[in-house]
């Protein structure tokens, strides 16, 4: 826990599973109060109980119209301010490109792009009113920068957020609101395990995936959480408009 984080509040979306839980846990360890948000009331209450007294749960389905503003309002009601926003909530999408429907595109972008854009704007308005800046961190993906078969729609939704990160960083710099992105590679989460279990040879597939990564292993959720912690810290107040790949060197190849 650092003294600089005393009294600071973070809002983390998609925080009821996988990477989001570890981000919330790390920010609490850093000394922030954290509002964890997700769609499942049951999972959310369980996670907030696990994380302890510095955590609060607010249910939100960010694909619903008006949900971003409502979530920011609820966060202020719970904790009185917002200093850090982590836009982590997202859905996966895979399909052969020529089989993709209009509805699939719309649904993916509603959650992965439109919702975090709206939430960024709503949170930044609060940070501006508070008058002492803030840190916004968008969780994108290595797929924002590369093409992978069947992942085109997901890649585009994350690529849009990468572009928006850079643009928002310029727009909000005058308010001392920093906007950065973290781009995870393949990460060991329940979603990854579900995908792995669906493969004909899970053990062989895991070895193949790891072998394609220069550091030779799949990321753990705390690998991503530690970089979010770095970007959220006031000690790194001169960093804005950047994207940090947390991919074991995959994009460097």
Protein backbone atom coordinates (compact mmCIF):
# COMPACT_ATOMS: atom_id res chain seq x y z
CA UNK A 1 0.00 0.00 0.00
CA UNK A 2 1.34 3.44 -0.93
CA UNK A 3 0.53 6.72 0.82
CA UNK A 4 -0.13 8.34 -2.57
CA UNK A 5 -3.16 6.10 -3.03
CA UNK A 6 -4.83 6.99 0.26
CA UNK A 7 -8.38 8.10 -0.49
CA UNK A 8 -8.23 7.19 -4.17
CA UNK A 9 -11.04 5.21 -5.81
CA UNK A 10 -10.92 2.89 -8.81
CA UNK A 11 -13.77 1.54 -10.92
CA UNK A 12 -13.00 -1.79 -12.61
CA UNK A 13 -15.45 -3.27 -15.10
CA UNK A 14 -15.64 -6.94 -15.91
CA UNK A 15 -14.27 -7.52 -12.44
CA UNK A 16 -16.21 -10.64 -11.47
CA UNK A 17 -13.92 -13.12 -13.23
CA UNK A 18 -10.49 -13.66 -14.77
CA UNK A 19 -8.22 -10.69 -15.31
CA UNK A 20 -10.69 -8.23 -13.78
CA UNK A 21 -10.61 -9.87 -10.35
CA UNK A 22 -6.81 -9.74 -10.25
CA UNK A 23 -6.79 -6.09 -11.32
CA UNK A 24 -9.23 -5.23 -8.53
CA UNK A 25 -7.20 -7.26 -6.03
CA UNK A 26 -3.96 -5.54 -7.01
CA UNK A 27 -5.43 -2.03 -6.81
CA UNK A 28 -6.79 -2.81 -3.35
CA UNK A 29 -3.33 -3.99 -2.32
CA UNK A 30 -2.03 -0.67 -3.64
CA UNK A 31 -4.32 1.12 -1.19
CA UNK A 32 -7.26 2.16 -3.37
CA UNK A 33 -10.92 1.55 -2.70
CA UNK A 34 -12.33 -0.36 -5.65
CA UNK A 35 -15.80 -0.62 -7.15
CA UNK A 36 -16.02 -3.94 -8.97
CA UNK A 37 -18.64 -4.15 -11.68
CA UNK A 38 -20.11 -6.99 -13.70
CA UNK A 39 -23.38 -8.44 -14.95
CA UNK A 40 -23.78 -11.23 -12.39
CA UNK A 41 -25.12 -10.17 -9.00
CA UNK A 42 -24.16 -13.52 -7.47
CA UNK A 43 -20.57 -13.50 -8.72
CA UNK A 44 -20.18 -9.81 -7.92
CA UNK A 45 -21.25 -10.18 -4.29
CA UNK A 46 -18.98 -13.19 -3.90
CA UNK A 47 -15.99 -11.34 -5.35
CA UNK A 48 -16.54 -8.21 -3.28
CA UNK A 49 -16.82 -10.32 -0.13
CA UNK A 50 -13.58 -12.10 -1.06
CA UNK A 51 -11.75 -8.83 -1.70
CA UNK A 52 -12.78 -7.36 1.64
CA UNK A 53 -13.92 -4.07 3.06
CA UNK A 54 -12.17 -1.88 0.47
CA UNK A 55 -14.29 -3.41 -2.32
CA UNK A 56 -17.83 -2.57 -3.35
CA UNK A 57 -19.91 -4.27 -6.03
CA UNK A 58 -22.17 -2.45 -8.47
CA UNK A 59 -24.07 -4.52 -11.01
CA UNK A 60 -24.09 -3.20 -14.57
CA UNK A 61 -24.76 -4.59 -18.02
CA UNK A 62 -22.76 -2.17 -20.10
CA UNK A 63 -24.55 -3.15 -23.30
CA UNK A 64 -27.69 -1.47 -21.94
CA UNK A 65 -28.40 2.10 -23.02
CA UNK A 66 -27.48 4.61 -20.32
CA UNK A 67 -25.56 2.02 -18.28
CA UNK A 68 -22.24 3.89 -18.37
CA UNK A 69 -23.67 7.03 -16.81
CA UNK A 70 -25.62 4.95 -14.28
CA UNK A 71 -22.50 3.02 -13.26
CA UNK A 72 -20.50 6.22 -12.74
CA UNK A 73 -23.35 7.68 -10.68
CA UNK A 74 -23.52 4.51 -8.56
CA UNK A 75 -19.75 4.58 -8.03
CA UNK A 76 -19.97 8.15 -6.76
CA UNK A 77 -22.81 7.14 -4.43
CA UNK A 78 -20.68 4.31 -3.02
CA UNK A 79 -17.30 6.01 -2.78
CA UNK A 80 -17.71 9.75 -3.49
CA UNK A 81 -15.16 10.05 -6.30
CA UNK A 82 -13.39 8.31 -9.19
CA UNK A 83 -9.63 8.53 -9.67
CA UNK A 84 -8.99 5.44 -11.80
CA UNK A 85 -11.13 3.75 -14.43
CA UNK A 86 -10.16 0.33 -15.78
CA UNK A 87 -12.22 -0.54 -18.86
CA UNK A 88 -11.84 -4.31 -18.70
CA UNK A 89 -15.32 -5.70 -19.53
CA UNK A 90 -15.46 -7.43 -22.91
CA UNK A 91 -16.89 -10.41 -24.75
CA UNK A 92 -15.06 -12.82 -27.02
CA UNK A 93 -16.00 -13.46 -30.64
CA UNK A 94 -14.79 -16.03 -33.13
CA UNK A 95 -16.34 -16.99 -36.44
CA UNK A 96 -15.29 -17.49 -40.04
CA UNK A 97 -15.37 -13.99 -41.47
CA UNK A 98 -17.75 -14.78 -44.33
CA UNK A 99 -20.20 -16.32 -41.87
CA UNK A 100 -20.30 -13.30 -39.53
CA UNK A 101 -23.74 -11.72 -39.19
CA UNK A 102 -24.62 -8.07 -38.74
CA UNK A 103 -25.96 -8.91 -35.29
CA UNK A 104 -22.63 -10.47 -34.22
CA UNK A 105 -20.77 -7.33 -35.25
CA UNK A 106 -23.21 -5.08 -33.45
CA UNK A 107 -23.18 -7.17 -30.25
CA UNK A 108 -19.37 -7.34 -30.12
CA UNK A 109 -18.94 -3.62 -30.64
CA UNK A 110 -21.69 -2.72 -28.14
CA UNK A 111 -19.71 -4.36 -25.32
CA UNK A 112 -16.10 -4.06 -26.46
CA UNK A 113 -16.13 -0.58 -27.99
CA UNK A 114 -19.23 1.54 -27.47
CA UNK A 115 -19.64 0.75 -23.77
CA UNK A 116 -16.03 1.54 -22.77
CA UNK A 117 -16.06 4.68 -24.90
CA UNK A 118 -19.19 5.90 -23.11
CA UNK A 119 -17.77 4.94 -19.73
CA UNK A 120 -14.49 6.73 -20.43
CA UNK A 121 -16.37 9.91 -21.27
CA UNK A 122 -18.65 9.67 -18.22
CA UNK A 123 -15.74 9.01 -15.84
CA UNK A 124 -13.60 11.74 -17.39
CA UNK A 125 -16.36 14.28 -16.77
CA UNK A 126 -16.25 13.38 -13.09
CA UNK A 127 -12.45 13.55 -13.00
CA UNK A 128 -12.57 17.00 -14.60
CA UNK A 129 -15.05 18.22 -11.98
CA UNK A 130 -12.85 16.86 -9.20
CA UNK A 131 -10.04 18.99 -10.59
CA UNK A 132 -7.06 16.77 -9.78
CA UNK A 133 -6.78 14.56 -12.83
CA UNK A 134 -7.08 10.81 -13.09
CA UNK A 135 -5.97 7.67 -14.85
CA UNK A 136 -8.02 5.71 -17.41
CA UNK A 137 -6.75 2.33 -18.54
CA UNK A 138 -8.34 0.47 -21.44
CA UNK A 139 -7.74 -3.27 -21.59
CA UNK A 140 -7.39 -4.03 -25.29
CA UNK A 141 -5.61 -7.06 -26.77
CA UNK A 142 -2.61 -8.08 -28.81
CA UNK A 143 -5.27 -8.67 -31.49
CA UNK A 144 -5.74 -4.89 -31.73
CA UNK A 145 -2.46 -4.90 -33.65
CA UNK A 146 -2.42 -8.17 -35.61
CA UNK A 147 -4.69 -10.32 -37.71
CA UNK A 148 -5.70 -13.83 -36.60
CA UNK A 149 -8.10 -16.09 -38.54
CA UNK A 150 -11.72 -16.04 -37.25
CA UNK A 151 -10.95 -13.14 -34.87
CA UNK A 152 -11.52 -10.21 -37.24
CA UNK A 153 -14.56 -8.68 -35.52
CA UNK A 154 -13.02 -8.99 -32.05
CA UNK A 155 -9.74 -7.54 -33.36
CA UNK A 156 -11.58 -4.59 -34.88
CA UNK A 157 -13.46 -3.88 -31.66
CA UNK A 158 -10.21 -3.80 -29.72
CA UNK A 159 -8.36 -1.92 -32.44
CA UNK A 160 -10.97 0.82 -32.24
CA UNK A 161 -10.29 1.11 -28.51
CA UNK A 162 -6.57 1.38 -29.17
CA UNK A 163 -7.20 4.29 -31.54
CA UNK A 164 -9.64 5.87 -29.09
CA UNK A 165 -7.06 5.57 -26.29
CA UNK A 166 -4.60 7.71 -28.20
CA UNK A 167 -7.20 10.27 -29.26
CA UNK A 168 -8.70 10.56 -25.78
CA UNK A 169 -5.24 10.98 -24.26
CA UNK A 170 -4.77 14.11 -26.38
CA UNK A 171 -8.27 15.45 -25.68
CA UNK A 172 -7.97 14.98 -21.92
CA UNK A 173 -4.34 15.97 -21.35
CA UNK A 174 -5.31 19.53 -20.45
CA UNK A 175 -7.38 18.13 -17.56
CA UNK A 176 -4.41 16.01 -16.35
CA UNK A 177 -6.43 12.87 -17.15
CA UNK A 178 -4.11 10.18 -18.47
CA UNK A 179 -5.43 7.56 -20.90
CA UNK A 180 -3.43 4.43 -21.64
CA UNK A 181 -4.00 0.89 -22.86
CA UNK A 182 -2.83 -2.53 -21.75
CA UNK A 183 -2.83 -5.18 -24.49
CA UNK A 184 -2.76 -8.71 -23.04
CA UNK A 185 -1.70 -11.72 -25.05
CA UNK A 186 -3.06 -15.19 -24.40
CA UNK A 187 -3.85 -15.27 -20.68
CA UNK A 188 -4.75 -18.12 -18.36
CA UNK A 189 -8.36 -17.32 -17.44
CA UNK A 190 -11.56 -19.37 -17.15
CA UNK A 191 -12.36 -18.36 -20.75
CA UNK A 192 -8.96 -19.60 -21.94
CA UNK A 193 -9.43 -22.86 -20.04
CA UNK A 194 -12.88 -23.32 -21.57
CA UNK A 195 -11.40 -22.85 -25.04
CA UNK A 196 -8.51 -25.20 -24.28
CA UNK A 197 -10.82 -27.91 -22.99
CA UNK A 198 -12.78 -27.75 -26.25
CA UNK A 199 -9.71 -28.68 -28.30
CA UNK A 200 -9.15 -32.27 -29.49
CA UNK A 201 -5.75 -32.35 -27.75
CA UNK A 202 -5.79 -29.76 -24.90
CA UNK A 203 -2.32 -30.59 -23.61
CA UNK A 204 -0.78 -30.45 -27.07
CA UNK A 205 -2.61 -27.22 -27.87
CA UNK A 206 -1.36 -25.60 -24.66
CA UNK A 207 2.21 -26.53 -25.59
CA UNK A 208 1.75 -25.16 -29.11
CA UNK A 209 0.41 -21.84 -27.84
CA UNK A 210 3.21 -21.45 -25.30
CA UNK A 211 5.84 -22.32 -27.90
CA UNK A 212 4.69 -19.40 -30.08
CA UNK A 213 5.41 -16.95 -27.25
CA UNK A 214 9.06 -15.84 -26.89
CA UNK A 215 8.96 -16.10 -23.08
CA UNK A 216 7.57 -19.61 -23.47
CA UNK A 217 4.47 -19.42 -21.30
CA UNK A 218 0.87 -18.22 -21.18
CA UNK A 219 0.33 -15.01 -19.20
CA UNK A 220 -1.23 -15.15 -15.75
CA UNK A 221 -3.87 -12.62 -14.76
CA UNK A 222 -1.51 -10.99 -12.27
CA UNK A 223 0.92 -10.22 -15.14
CA UNK A 224 -1.72 -7.89 -16.54
CA UNK A 225 -2.77 -6.56 -13.13
CA UNK A 226 0.77 -5.46 -12.31
CA UNK A 227 0.94 -3.31 -15.46
CA UNK A 228 -2.46 -1.78 -14.69
CA UNK A 229 -1.14 -0.95 -11.21
CA UNK A 230 1.88 0.75 -12.80
CA UNK A 231 -0.26 2.90 -15.09
CA UNK A 232 -2.74 3.76 -12.33
CA UNK A 233 -0.04 5.03 -9.98
CA UNK A 234 0.46 8.79 -9.56
CA UNK A 235 4.19 8.01 -9.68
CA UNK A 236 3.80 7.53 -13.44
CA UNK A 237 2.01 10.81 -14.07
CA UNK A 238 3.94 11.56 -17.27
CA UNK A 239 2.67 8.52 -19.18
CA UNK A 240 -0.31 8.99 -21.45
CA UNK A 241 -1.43 7.82 -24.87
CA UNK A 242 0.60 4.60 -24.78
CA UNK A 243 -0.27 0.93 -25.20
CA UNK A 244 1.75 -1.65 -23.29
CA UNK A 245 1.68 -5.18 -24.74
CA UNK A 246 1.72 -7.82 -22.02
CA UNK A 247 2.25 -10.75 -24.34
CA UNK A 248 5.57 -12.36 -23.50
CA UNK A 249 7.19 -10.73 -26.53
CA UNK A 250 4.69 -12.04 -29.10
CA UNK A 251 4.29 -8.72 -30.94
CA UNK A 252 8.05 -8.20 -30.99
CA UNK A 253 8.60 -11.16 -33.32
